[in-house]
Amino acid sequence: ELVQYQFEYDTLIIEEAAQILDIETFIPMVLQSKHGRLKRIILIGDHYQLPPIVRNRTLGKYSKLDQSLFHRLIRLGVPYHLLNMQGRCRPNLRRLW
């Protein structure tokens, strides 16, 4: 249904990119390919945490689907910024738990 609206965007931001399958990362890129408008892709995530979930273990292992595009790009040496601090939750909200 969203495809029918033909959204056009210059920047694509994908959060939790380390947990997303390659194909799920490519879909919003391909949707912009006919418009030629996409200029920046920003992938946000932590490649040291959970990988994408592939329900079929054999398929995931032998097809390398258990790696996200985010992790592949880092392995290939694409420059990235690693944060040295996480801001999980404000202290006043954290105290409620």
N, C-alpha and C. Protein backbone atom coordinates (compact mmCIF):
# COMPACT_ATOMS: atom_id res chain seq x y z
N GLU A 1 0.82 -1.20 0.00
CA GLU A 1 0.00 0.00 0.00
C GLU A 1 0.87 1.26 0.00
N LEU A 2 1.97 1.24 0.74
CA LEU A 2 2.85 2.41 0.77
C LEU A 2 3.48 2.69 -0.59
N VAL A 3 3.71 1.64 -1.37
CA VAL A 3 4.32 1.81 -2.69
C VAL A 3 3.42 2.65 -3.59
N GLN A 4 2.13 2.54 -3.42
CA GLN A 4 1.18 3.30 -4.24
C GLN A 4 1.33 4.80 -4.05
N TYR A 5 1.78 5.22 -2.88
CA TYR A 5 1.94 6.66 -2.61
C TYR A 5 3.19 7.23 -3.26
N GLN A 6 4.09 6.39 -3.74
CA GLN A 6 5.30 6.78 -4.46
C GLN A 6 6.11 7.84 -3.70
N PHE A 7 6.44 7.52 -2.44
CA PHE A 7 7.26 8.42 -1.66
C PHE A 7 8.61 8.63 -2.34
N GLU A 8 9.09 9.84 -2.31
CA GLU A 8 10.41 10.16 -2.82
C GLU A 8 11.22 10.76 -1.68
N TYR A 9 12.46 10.30 -1.56
CA TYR A 9 13.31 10.80 -0.47
C TYR A 9 14.76 10.83 -0.91
N ASP A 10 15.51 11.78 -0.34
CA ASP A 10 16.93 11.94 -0.63
C ASP A 10 17.78 11.11 0.31
N THR A 11 17.31 10.95 1.54
CA THR A 11 18.09 10.28 2.57
C THR A 11 17.28 9.12 3.14
N LEU A 12 17.95 7.98 3.25
CA LEU A 12 17.33 6.80 3.84
C LEU A 12 18.06 6.50 5.14
N ILE A 13 17.33 6.47 6.24
CA ILE A 13 17.90 6.16 7.55
C ILE A 13 17.29 4.84 8.02
N ILE A 14 18.16 3.87 8.29
CA ILE A 14 17.70 2.57 8.76
C ILE A 14 18.29 2.31 10.14
N GLU A 15 17.42 2.26 11.14
CA GLU A 15 17.86 1.99 12.50
C GLU A 15 17.84 0.49 12.75
N GLU A 16 18.68 0.03 13.66
CA GLU A 16 18.85 -1.41 13.94
C GLU A 16 19.25 -2.15 12.67
N ALA A 17 20.10 -1.52 11.88
CA ALA A 17 20.50 -2.07 10.58
C ALA A 17 21.29 -3.37 10.71
N ALA A 18 21.88 -3.62 11.86
CA ALA A 18 22.64 -4.85 12.06
C ALA A 18 21.73 -6.07 12.24
N GLN A 19 20.45 -5.83 12.48
CA GLN A 19 19.51 -6.93 12.72
C GLN A 19 18.56 -7.15 11.54
N ILE A 20 18.80 -6.45 10.44
CA ILE A 20 17.89 -6.51 9.30
C ILE A 20 18.52 -7.33 8.18
N LEU A 21 17.74 -8.21 7.58
CA LEU A 21 18.22 -8.98 6.43
C LEU A 21 18.58 -8.06 5.27
N ASP A 22 19.52 -8.50 4.44
CA ASP A 22 19.94 -7.71 3.29
C ASP A 22 18.76 -7.25 2.44
N ILE A 23 17.89 -8.18 2.12
CA ILE A 23 16.76 -7.87 1.25
C ILE A 23 15.88 -6.78 1.86
N GLU A 24 15.73 -6.78 3.17
CA GLU A 24 14.92 -5.75 3.83
C GLU A 24 15.60 -4.39 3.78
N THR A 25 16.91 -4.39 3.66
CA THR A 25 17.65 -3.14 3.51
C THR A 25 17.55 -2.63 2.08
N PHE A 26 17.55 -3.55 1.13
CA PHE A 26 17.53 -3.15 -0.28
C PHE A 26 16.18 -2.64 -0.76
N ILE A 27 15.10 -3.10 -0.16
CA ILE A 27 13.76 -2.72 -0.64
C ILE A 27 13.56 -1.21 -0.71
N PRO A 28 13.82 -0.44 0.36
CA PRO A 28 13.61 1.01 0.23
C PRO A 28 14.59 1.67 -0.76
N MET A 29 15.76 1.06 -0.97
CA MET A 29 16.71 1.59 -1.95
C MET A 29 16.17 1.39 -3.37
N VAL A 30 15.68 0.19 -3.63
CA VAL A 30 15.17 -0.14 -4.96
C VAL A 30 13.94 0.70 -5.28
N LEU A 31 13.11 0.97 -4.29
CA LEU A 31 11.91 1.78 -4.53
C LEU A 31 12.26 3.19 -5.02
N GLN A 32 13.45 3.67 -4.68
CA GLN A 32 13.88 4.99 -5.12
C GLN A 32 14.70 4.96 -6.41
N SER A 33 15.08 3.78 -6.86
CA SER A 33 15.98 3.68 -8.01
C SER A 33 15.37 4.29 -9.29
N LYS A 34 14.06 4.18 -9.46
CA LYS A 34 13.47 4.74 -10.69
C LYS A 34 13.37 6.26 -10.64
N HIS A 35 13.39 6.83 -9.42
CA HIS A 35 13.33 8.29 -9.30
C HIS A 35 14.73 8.90 -9.35
N GLY A 36 15.75 8.11 -9.01
CA GLY A 36 17.13 8.60 -9.03
C GLY A 36 17.39 9.69 -8.01
N ARG A 37 16.60 9.74 -6.98
CA ARG A 37 16.69 10.83 -6.03
C ARG A 37 17.52 10.49 -4.79
N LEU A 38 17.69 9.22 -4.46
CA LEU A 38 18.37 8.80 -3.24
C LEU A 38 19.86 9.17 -3.29
N LYS A 39 20.31 9.95 -2.30
CA LYS A 39 21.69 10.42 -2.27
C LYS A 39 22.48 9.86 -1.10
N ARG A 40 21.82 9.58 0.02
CA ARG A 40 22.49 9.14 1.24
C ARG A 40 21.75 7.98 1.86
N ILE A 41 22.54 7.04 2.36
CA ILE A 41 21.97 5.94 3.13
C ILE A 41 22.71 5.91 4.45
N ILE A 42 21.97 6.01 5.54
CA ILE A 42 22.57 6.00 6.87
C ILE A 42 22.08 4.76 7.60
N LEU A 43 23.03 3.88 7.92
CA LEU A 43 22.71 2.66 8.64
C LEU A 43 23.14 2.82 10.08
N ILE A 44 22.22 2.63 11.01
CA ILE A 44 22.49 2.78 12.44
C ILE A 44 22.29 1.43 13.10
N GLY A 45 23.24 1.00 13.89
CA GLY A 45 23.10 -0.28 14.57
C GLY A 45 24.38 -0.66 15.28
N ASP A 46 24.36 -1.83 15.86
CA ASP A 46 25.51 -2.35 16.59
C ASP A 46 25.81 -3.74 16.06
N HIS A 47 26.85 -3.85 15.26
CA HIS A 47 27.18 -5.13 14.63
C HIS A 47 27.75 -6.14 15.63
N TYR A 48 27.96 -5.74 16.88
CA TYR A 48 28.42 -6.66 17.91
C TYR A 48 27.24 -7.34 18.63
N GLN A 49 26.03 -6.87 18.34
CA GLN A 49 24.86 -7.45 19.00
C GLN A 49 24.20 -8.48 18.10
N LEU A 50 22.92 -8.67 18.24
CA LEU A 50 22.19 -9.73 17.55
C LEU A 50 22.21 -9.59 16.03
N PRO A 51 22.45 -10.71 15.32
CA PRO A 51 22.39 -10.70 13.85
C PRO A 51 20.93 -10.82 13.39
N PRO A 52 20.69 -10.73 12.09
CA PRO A 52 19.33 -10.93 11.59
C PRO A 52 18.83 -12.33 11.91
N ILE A 53 17.54 -12.46 12.07
CA ILE A 53 16.94 -13.77 12.37
C ILE A 53 16.54 -14.44 11.06
N VAL A 54 17.10 -15.62 10.82
CA VAL A 54 16.74 -16.42 9.66
C VAL A 54 16.11 -17.70 10.22
N ARG A 55 14.88 -17.95 9.89
CA ARG A 55 14.14 -19.06 10.49
C ARG A 55 14.70 -20.43 10.10
N ASN A 56 15.20 -20.56 8.89
CA ASN A 56 15.78 -21.81 8.44
C ASN A 56 17.29 -21.76 8.69
N ARG A 57 17.77 -22.47 9.69
CA ARG A 57 19.19 -22.40 10.08
C ARG A 57 20.13 -22.80 8.95
N THR A 58 19.78 -23.83 8.22
CA THR A 58 20.64 -24.29 7.12
C THR A 58 20.76 -23.20 6.05
N LEU A 59 19.65 -22.64 5.67
CA LEU A 59 19.65 -21.57 4.68
C LEU A 59 20.46 -20.38 5.19
N GLY A 60 20.25 -20.02 6.44
CA GLY A 60 20.99 -18.89 7.02
C GLY A 60 22.48 -19.12 7.04
N LYS A 61 22.90 -20.33 7.39
CA LYS A 61 24.32 -20.62 7.53
C LYS A 61 25.03 -20.68 6.17
N TYR A 62 24.46 -21.41 5.23
CA TYR A 62 25.14 -21.63 3.96
C TYR A 62 24.95 -20.52 2.93
N SER A 63 23.96 -19.70 3.12
CA SER A 63 23.76 -18.59 2.19
C SER A 63 24.27 -17.27 2.76
N LYS A 64 24.79 -17.32 3.98
CA LYS A 64 25.31 -16.12 4.67
C LYS A 64 24.21 -15.08 4.91
N LEU A 65 22.97 -15.53 4.99
CA LEU A 65 21.88 -14.60 5.31
C LEU A 65 21.90 -14.19 6.77
N ASP A 66 22.74 -14.86 7.57
CA ASP A 66 22.81 -14.51 8.98
C ASP A 66 23.66 -13.27 9.23
N GLN A 67 24.08 -12.60 8.15
CA GLN A 67 24.81 -11.34 8.27
C GLN A 67 23.97 -10.24 7.62
N SER A 68 23.98 -9.09 8.23
CA SER A 68 23.25 -7.97 7.65
C SER A 68 24.15 -7.23 6.67
N LEU A 69 23.55 -6.41 5.83
CA LEU A 69 24.33 -5.57 4.93
C LEU A 69 25.25 -4.67 5.74
N PHE A 70 24.75 -4.19 6.87
CA PHE A 70 25.53 -3.34 7.77
C PHE A 70 26.83 -4.04 8.18
N HIS A 71 26.72 -5.29 8.62
CA HIS A 71 27.89 -6.06 9.05
C HIS A 71 28.81 -6.36 7.87
N ARG A 72 28.26 -6.68 6.72
CA ARG A 72 29.07 -6.94 5.53
C ARG A 72 29.89 -5.72 5.14
N LEU A 73 29.26 -4.55 5.17
CA LEU A 73 29.97 -3.33 4.80
C LEU A 73 31.12 -3.04 5.77
N ILE A 74 30.90 -3.25 7.04
CA ILE A 74 31.96 -3.05 8.03
C ILE A 74 33.10 -4.03 7.79
N ARG A 75 32.76 -5.30 7.52
CA ARG A 75 33.78 -6.32 7.22
C ARG A 75 34.60 -5.97 5.98
N LEU A 76 33.96 -5.31 5.02
CA LEU A 76 34.65 -4.93 3.79
C LEU A 76 35.49 -3.66 3.95
N GLY A 77 35.42 -3.04 5.11
CA GLY A 77 36.26 -1.88 5.37
C GLY A 77 35.63 -0.53 5.07
N VAL A 78 34.32 -0.51 4.87
CA VAL A 78 33.65 0.77 4.66
C VAL A 78 33.75 1.57 5.95
N PRO A 79 34.14 2.84 5.88
CA PRO A 79 34.30 3.64 7.11
C PRO A 79 33.00 3.72 7.92
N TYR A 80 33.16 3.66 9.24
CA TYR A 80 32.00 3.77 10.13
C TYR A 80 32.44 4.46 11.42
N HIS A 81 31.48 4.90 12.18
CA HIS A 81 31.73 5.54 13.47
C HIS A 81 31.17 4.66 14.57
N LEU A 82 31.99 4.31 15.53
CA LEU A 82 31.56 3.50 16.65
C LEU A 82 31.43 4.41 17.87
N LEU A 83 30.25 4.46 18.43
CA LEU A 83 30.03 5.30 19.60
C LEU A 83 30.66 4.65 20.82
N ASN A 84 31.20 5.47 21.71
CA ASN A 84 31.85 4.93 22.91
C ASN A 84 30.92 4.97 24.12
N MET A 85 29.67 5.33 23.90
CA MET A 85 28.73 5.47 25.00
C MET A 85 27.31 5.23 24.48
N GLN A 86 26.50 4.59 25.25
CA GLN A 86 25.11 4.40 24.86
C GLN A 86 24.20 5.20 25.77
N GLY A 87 23.20 5.79 25.19
CA GLY A 87 22.21 6.54 25.96
C GLY A 87 20.91 5.78 25.99
N ARG A 88 20.87 4.74 26.74
CA ARG A 88 19.69 3.86 26.76
C ARG A 88 18.42 4.57 27.21
N CYS A 89 18.53 5.25 28.31
CA CYS A 89 17.32 5.84 28.86
C CYS A 89 17.71 6.94 29.85
N ARG A 90 16.92 7.95 29.89
CA ARG A 90 17.18 9.02 30.85
C ARG A 90 17.09 8.47 32.27
N PRO A 91 17.95 8.95 33.18
CA PRO A 91 17.95 8.43 34.55
C PRO A 91 16.59 8.51 35.24
N ASN A 92 15.86 9.60 35.03
CA ASN A 92 14.57 9.73 35.71
C ASN A 92 13.55 8.72 35.17
N LEU A 93 13.64 8.34 33.90
CA LEU A 93 12.77 7.29 33.38
C LEU A 93 13.24 5.91 33.81
N ARG A 94 14.54 5.73 33.85
CA ARG A 94 15.10 4.43 34.26
C ARG A 94 14.74 4.09 35.69
N ARG A 95 14.65 5.08 36.55
CA ARG A 95 14.30 4.85 37.96
C ARG A 95 12.88 4.32 38.13
N LEU A 96 12.02 4.57 37.14
CA LEU A 96 10.64 4.08 37.21
C LEU A 96 10.59 2.56 37.13
N TRP A 97 11.58 1.94 36.53
CA TRP A 97 11.62 0.49 36.38
C TRP A 97 12.17 -0.11 37.62
